[in-house]
Amino acid sequence: MIVARPSRGYQFLFYRILQCLTSFYFARIHWPNQKPPTNAPVLLLCNHQSWWDGILIFILHQKIWKKPFYVMMLLSELTKRKFLTSLGAYSIQKNHRSVLESLNYSLKLLENPNHVLVFPQGRLESQHVSHLTFSKGIQYLVNHLPAHAEIWALSVHYSFSVHVRAHCTIYLQPITSRLPEAVDEEWNRFHQQCVELEQQKWQ
């Protein structure tokens, strides 16, 4: 696997570049709940429909939360963009014996007050899918999560409407469950509520 090698200098430089890019591509990036998670380690579970997802959550950390940030990426994608390891990216290879190594690496990061972003469905999927199926790796992470770590749900949504540039809303909510099946159900209930909120904008 490819491990993360975060660099504060590189993260700051890339954050400035991304600010320019997002101001060009987005009319608005909105997170209704800006309350940062506590000082505990946090496993962030987020839907995934665009390469912007991880970038925008990285910006959220740099701009508001100010917390050490890591993100799990497919090995095939990270191999093409190894510079992302400087931002906190590390790899996982699906259906390979190294999966366990990547999952244990995630758990090791969560022993300290880091934020670890994982896309639980393990692939790109439309934001209009109201129920996401979590991969088996999420069950392993939840079952072995350090006792002092927290789980937070993120739901990212994009829209254009009458605007040339996109609007993005990032919803955030803590997950109280600690059983894998219950975490799946609680995350999906939260995501469904976010989908409904987005639909209301068009009514």
Protein backbone atom coordinates (compact mmCIF):
# COMPACT_ATOMS: atom_id res chain seq x y z
CA MET A 1 0.00 0.00 0.00
CA ILE A 2 0.95 3.64 -0.34
CA VAL A 3 1.05 5.47 2.99
CA ALA A 4 0.28 9.13 3.57
CA ARG A 5 3.17 11.56 3.98
CA PRO A 6 1.38 14.79 4.92
CA SER A 7 3.35 18.01 4.54
CA ARG A 8 2.03 21.18 6.19
CA GLY A 9 3.83 23.38 3.69
CA TYR A 10 2.46 21.46 0.72
CA GLN A 11 -1.02 21.38 2.25
CA PHE A 12 -1.00 25.16 2.73
CA LEU A 13 0.20 25.74 -0.85
CA PHE A 14 -2.35 23.34 -2.31
CA TYR A 15 -5.10 24.88 -0.18
CA ARG A 16 -4.38 28.30 -1.73
CA ILE A 17 -4.46 26.83 -5.22
CA LEU A 18 -7.74 25.03 -4.49
CA GLN A 19 -9.31 28.22 -3.18
CA CYS A 20 -8.75 29.77 -6.61
CA LEU A 21 -10.10 26.69 -8.41
CA THR A 22 -13.23 26.42 -6.27
CA SER A 23 -14.01 30.13 -6.65
CA PHE A 24 -13.93 29.56 -10.42
CA TYR A 25 -16.03 26.37 -10.51
CA PHE A 26 -18.41 27.00 -7.59
CA ALA A 27 -20.79 29.86 -6.95
CA ARG A 28 -21.21 28.70 -3.36
CA ILE A 29 -19.89 26.03 -1.01
CA HIS A 30 -22.11 25.77 2.04
CA TRP A 31 -21.83 23.65 5.19
CA PRO A 32 -24.91 24.32 7.36
CA ASN A 33 -23.28 22.83 10.46
CA GLN A 34 -19.79 24.26 10.79
CA LYS A 35 -19.35 22.91 14.30
CA PRO A 36 -16.08 20.98 14.19
CA PRO A 37 -15.92 17.51 15.67
CA THR A 38 -14.33 17.29 19.11
CA ASN A 39 -10.64 16.82 19.74
CA ALA A 40 -11.15 13.06 19.58
CA PRO A 41 -10.12 11.03 16.52
CA VAL A 42 -12.89 11.07 13.93
CA LEU A 43 -13.80 8.56 11.24
CA LEU A 44 -15.64 10.53 8.53
CA LEU A 45 -18.03 8.53 6.34
CA CYS A 46 -19.04 10.35 3.16
CA ASN A 47 -20.97 9.63 -0.03
CA HIS A 48 -18.86 9.78 -3.18
CA GLN A 49 -20.01 11.02 -6.60
CA SER A 50 -17.23 13.36 -7.72
CA TRP A 51 -13.50 13.83 -7.42
CA TRP A 52 -14.39 17.17 -5.82
CA ASP A 53 -15.67 15.38 -2.69
CA GLY A 54 -12.31 14.75 -1.07
CA ILE A 55 -10.95 18.10 -2.23
CA LEU A 56 -13.82 20.06 -0.68
CA ILE A 57 -13.56 18.19 2.62
CA PHE A 58 -9.82 18.87 2.61
CA ILE A 59 -10.64 22.58 2.20
CA LEU A 60 -13.13 22.32 5.07
CA HIS A 61 -10.34 21.03 7.29
CA GLN A 62 -7.86 23.69 6.23
CA LYS A 63 -10.32 26.57 6.49
CA ILE A 64 -12.48 25.73 9.50
CA TRP A 65 -11.62 22.58 11.42
CA LYS A 66 -7.81 22.89 11.47
CA LYS A 67 -7.45 19.16 12.15
CA PRO A 68 -4.94 16.62 10.74
CA PHE A 69 -6.64 15.15 7.67
CA TYR A 70 -6.25 11.78 5.95
CA VAL A 71 -8.26 10.22 3.13
CA MET A 72 -8.41 6.66 1.81
CA MET A 73 -8.11 6.37 -1.99
CA LEU A 74 -8.13 3.47 -4.41
CA LEU A 75 -4.59 2.35 -5.19
CA SER A 76 -5.21 2.66 -8.94
CA GLU A 77 -6.14 6.34 -8.53
CA LEU A 78 -3.46 7.29 -6.00
CA THR A 79 -0.77 5.68 -8.14
CA LYS A 80 -1.62 8.22 -10.86
CA ARG A 81 -1.52 11.13 -8.39
CA LYS A 82 1.09 10.29 -5.78
CA PHE A 83 1.46 13.98 -4.89
CA LEU A 84 -1.83 13.58 -2.99
CA THR A 85 0.04 11.63 -0.31
CA SER A 86 1.38 15.03 0.77
CA LEU A 87 -2.22 16.07 1.45
CA GLY A 88 -2.90 12.99 3.58
CA ALA A 89 -4.02 10.41 1.00
CA TYR A 90 -3.21 6.73 1.41
CA SER A 91 -4.23 3.71 -0.62
CA ILE A 92 -6.47 0.68 -0.52
CA GLN A 93 -6.66 -2.03 -3.17
CA LYS A 94 -10.06 -3.69 -3.34
CA ASN A 95 -10.28 -7.49 -3.44
CA HIS A 96 -6.60 -7.83 -2.54
CA ARG A 97 -4.88 -9.27 0.51
CA SER A 98 -3.44 -5.82 1.29
CA VAL A 99 -6.94 -4.54 2.18
CA LEU A 100 -6.41 -5.54 5.80
CA GLU A 101 -3.14 -3.59 5.88
CA SER A 102 -4.95 -0.44 4.69
CA LEU A 103 -7.75 -0.90 7.21
CA ASN A 104 -5.31 -1.41 10.09
CA TYR A 105 -3.40 1.66 8.92
CA SER A 106 -6.66 3.63 9.17
CA LEU A 107 -7.20 2.34 12.71
CA LYS A 108 -3.65 3.28 13.64
CA LEU A 109 -4.31 6.86 12.46
CA LEU A 110 -7.46 6.90 14.59
CA GLU A 111 -5.48 6.18 17.75
CA ASN A 112 -4.42 9.84 17.58
CA PRO A 113 -6.63 12.96 17.14
CA ASN A 114 -6.73 12.71 13.35
CA HIS A 115 -9.65 12.91 10.95
CA VAL A 116 -9.81 9.99 8.51
CA LEU A 117 -12.13 10.29 5.50
CA VAL A 118 -13.50 7.10 3.98
CA PHE A 119 -16.03 6.66 1.17
CA PRO A 120 -17.98 3.64 2.50
CA GLN A 121 -19.54 2.50 -0.78
CA GLY A 122 -16.04 2.12 -2.24
CA ARG A 123 -16.92 3.60 -5.63
CA LEU A 124 -18.40 6.64 -7.35
CA GLU A 125 -22.19 6.66 -7.13
CA SER A 126 -24.88 9.18 -8.08
CA GLN A 127 -25.90 11.65 -5.38
CA HIS A 128 -29.50 10.77 -6.22
CA VAL A 129 -29.04 7.27 -4.79
CA SER A 130 -30.85 7.56 -1.48
CA HIS A 131 -29.52 4.34 0.08
CA LEU A 132 -25.85 3.44 -0.03
CA THR A 133 -24.50 -0.06 0.53
CA PHE A 134 -21.42 -0.03 2.75
CA SER A 135 -18.42 -2.18 1.88
CA LYS A 136 -17.30 -4.93 4.27
CA GLY A 137 -14.25 -2.86 5.19
CA ILE A 138 -16.47 -0.40 7.05
CA GLN A 139 -17.69 -3.23 9.27
CA TYR A 140 -14.09 -4.03 10.14
CA LEU A 141 -13.28 -0.39 10.93
CA VAL A 142 -16.34 0.05 13.15
CA ASN A 143 -15.72 -3.23 14.99
CA HIS A 144 -12.09 -2.31 15.75
CA LEU A 145 -12.46 1.45 16.18
CA PRO A 146 -10.57 2.83 19.21
CA ALA A 147 -12.96 3.43 22.10
CA HIS A 148 -12.24 7.18 22.22
CA ALA A 149 -12.77 7.72 18.47
CA GLU A 150 -15.96 9.18 17.01
CA ILE A 151 -17.86 8.54 13.76
CA TRP A 152 -19.34 11.43 11.78
CA ALA A 153 -21.53 11.30 8.71
CA LEU A 154 -20.95 13.62 5.75
CA SER A 155 -23.37 14.01 2.85
CA VAL A 156 -22.20 16.07 -0.13
CA HIS A 157 -24.62 17.46 -2.74
CA TYR A 158 -24.09 19.46 -5.94
CA SER A 159 -26.57 21.47 -7.99
CA PHE A 160 -26.57 24.01 -10.82
CA SER A 161 -30.14 25.28 -11.13
CA VAL A 162 -30.03 28.60 -13.05
CA HIS A 163 -26.37 29.20 -12.22
CA VAL A 164 -23.40 28.70 -14.51
CA ARG A 165 -21.24 27.62 -11.59
CA ALA A 166 -22.17 24.81 -9.23
CA HIS A 167 -23.53 25.06 -5.71
CA CYS A 168 -22.31 22.54 -3.15
CA THR A 169 -23.80 21.75 0.26
CA ILE A 170 -21.98 19.55 2.78
CA TYR A 171 -24.13 18.22 5.60
CA LEU A 172 -22.58 16.91 8.80
CA GLN A 173 -23.88 14.88 11.72
CA PRO A 174 -22.37 12.64 14.43
CA ILE A 175 -23.22 8.94 14.44
CA THR A 176 -23.96 7.50 17.86
CA SER A 177 -24.16 3.81 16.90
CA ARG A 178 -21.18 1.51 17.27
CA LEU A 179 -22.53 -1.67 15.68
CA PRO A 180 -21.71 -1.94 11.95
CA GLU A 181 -25.28 -2.59 10.82
CA ALA A 182 -26.58 0.25 13.00
CA VAL A 183 -23.92 2.66 11.66
CA ASP A 184 -25.02 1.77 8.12
CA GLU A 185 -28.68 2.39 8.98
CA GLU A 186 -28.01 5.63 10.87
CA TRP A 187 -25.82 7.02 8.07
CA ASN A 188 -28.43 6.20 5.44
CA ARG A 189 -31.24 7.81 7.47
CA PHE A 190 -29.14 10.96 7.72
CA HIS A 191 -28.30 10.87 4.00
CA GLN A 192 -31.98 10.40 3.08
CA GLN A 193 -32.85 13.48 5.15
CA CYS A 194 -30.19 15.43 3.25
CA VAL A 195 -31.57 14.24 -0.10
CA GLU A 196 -35.01 15.43 0.96
CA LEU A 197 -33.62 18.82 2.01
CA GLU A 198 -32.02 19.16 -1.40
CA GLN A 199 -35.26 18.24 -3.13
CA GLN A 200 -37.12 20.90 -1.14
CA LYS A 201 -34.91 23.55 -2.72
CA TRP A 202 -36.65 22.81 -6.05
CA GLN A 203 -40.19 23.06 -4.72
